[in-house]
């Protein structure tokens, strides 16, 4: 199996949070250590923090510690931001 990219890591982390396997963002990304390298996981964390810092009302830094719907909102916003940057 190929190693996950940053976007792949964020998508997989979203699946883990949505399924209730992991409570929050950091736990979900950390759980992917067998599939995503340390630098890829670090980039995923930084991408989430960058989205939270953008201050566009989608999410804030407090969202990073919240489980459930808030975490999914931040993951969705980060995935959308990175995907838009690729196109």
Protein backbone atom coordinates (compact mmCIF):
# COMPACT_ATOMS: atom_id res chain seq x y z
CA UNK A 1 0.00 0.00 0.00
CA UNK A 2 1.26 3.46 -0.89
CA UNK A 3 1.93 5.97 1.84
CA UNK A 4 -0.74 8.59 2.38
CA UNK A 5 -0.36 12.16 1.12
CA UNK A 6 -1.35 15.15 3.23
CA UNK A 7 -4.78 15.26 1.60
CA UNK A 8 -5.13 11.50 1.93
CA UNK A 9 -4.23 11.77 5.61
CA UNK A 10 -6.86 14.45 6.16
CA UNK A 11 -9.50 12.40 4.34
CA UNK A 12 -8.65 9.29 6.35
CA UNK A 13 -8.64 11.27 9.61
CA UNK A 14 -12.07 12.61 8.70
CA UNK A 15 -13.32 9.05 8.23
CA UNK A 16 -11.98 8.10 11.67
CA UNK A 17 -13.64 11.07 13.38
CA UNK A 18 -16.90 10.61 11.48
CA UNK A 19 -17.04 6.91 12.36
CA UNK A 20 -16.38 7.70 16.02
CA UNK A 21 -13.16 5.69 16.04
CA UNK A 22 -11.26 8.79 17.19
CA UNK A 23 -12.62 11.69 19.22
CA UNK A 24 -10.55 14.51 17.81
CA UNK A 25 -8.25 15.71 15.08
CA UNK A 26 -4.91 15.06 16.74
CA UNK A 27 -5.94 11.58 17.82
CA UNK A 28 -7.18 10.73 14.31
CA UNK A 29 -4.04 11.95 12.54
CA UNK A 30 -1.83 10.28 15.15
CA UNK A 31 -3.67 7.00 14.60
CA UNK A 32 -2.44 7.02 10.99
CA UNK A 33 1.24 6.64 11.89
CA UNK A 34 1.36 3.28 10.13
CA UNK A 35 0.01 4.78 6.90
CA UNK A 36 1.41 8.33 6.84
CA UNK A 37 4.99 9.32 7.55
CA UNK A 38 5.86 11.71 10.35
CA UNK A 39 6.49 14.64 7.99
CA UNK A 40 3.15 14.04 6.23
CA UNK A 41 1.30 13.93 9.55
CA UNK A 42 3.10 17.12 10.64
CA UNK A 43 2.03 18.85 7.40
CA UNK A 44 -1.56 17.72 8.03
CA UNK A 45 -1.45 19.22 11.55
CA UNK A 46 -0.04 22.48 10.18
CA UNK A 47 -2.66 22.60 7.42
CA UNK A 48 -5.39 22.32 10.06
CA UNK A 49 -3.78 25.06 12.15
CA UNK A 50 -3.42 27.30 9.10
CA UNK A 51 -7.11 26.88 8.30
CA UNK A 52 -8.05 27.63 11.90
CA UNK A 53 -5.82 30.72 11.90
CA UNK A 54 -7.37 32.06 8.70
CA UNK A 55 -10.17 33.56 10.75
CA UNK A 56 -12.81 33.18 8.06
CA UNK A 57 -15.42 32.04 10.55
CA UNK A 58 -15.27 28.36 9.55
CA UNK A 59 -13.15 27.30 12.48
CA UNK A 60 -10.88 28.61 15.21
CA UNK A 61 -7.98 27.29 17.22
CA UNK A 62 -10.40 26.03 19.88
CA UNK A 63 -11.85 23.75 17.19
CA UNK A 64 -8.57 21.83 17.17
CA UNK A 65 -9.38 20.43 20.60
CA UNK A 66 -13.08 19.79 20.04
CA UNK A 67 -14.43 16.41 19.03
CA UNK A 68 -17.24 15.59 16.67
CA UNK A 69 -18.94 18.08 14.40
CA UNK A 70 -16.47 20.91 15.05
CA UNK A 71 -13.57 18.65 14.12
CA UNK A 72 -15.35 17.55 10.95
CA UNK A 73 -16.02 21.17 9.98
CA UNK A 74 -12.34 22.05 10.33
CA UNK A 75 -11.28 18.94 8.40
CA UNK A 76 -13.75 19.75 5.61
CA UNK A 77 -12.57 23.37 5.42
CA UNK A 78 -8.92 22.30 5.32
CA UNK A 79 -9.53 19.67 2.65
CA UNK A 80 -11.48 22.21 0.55
CA UNK A 81 -8.74 24.85 0.96
CA UNK A 82 -5.95 22.49 -0.07
CA UNK A 83 -7.94 21.04 -2.95
CA UNK A 84 -8.75 24.54 -4.25
CA UNK A 85 -5.07 25.44 -4.11
CA UNK A 86 -4.29 22.48 -6.37
CA UNK A 87 -6.71 23.61 -9.09
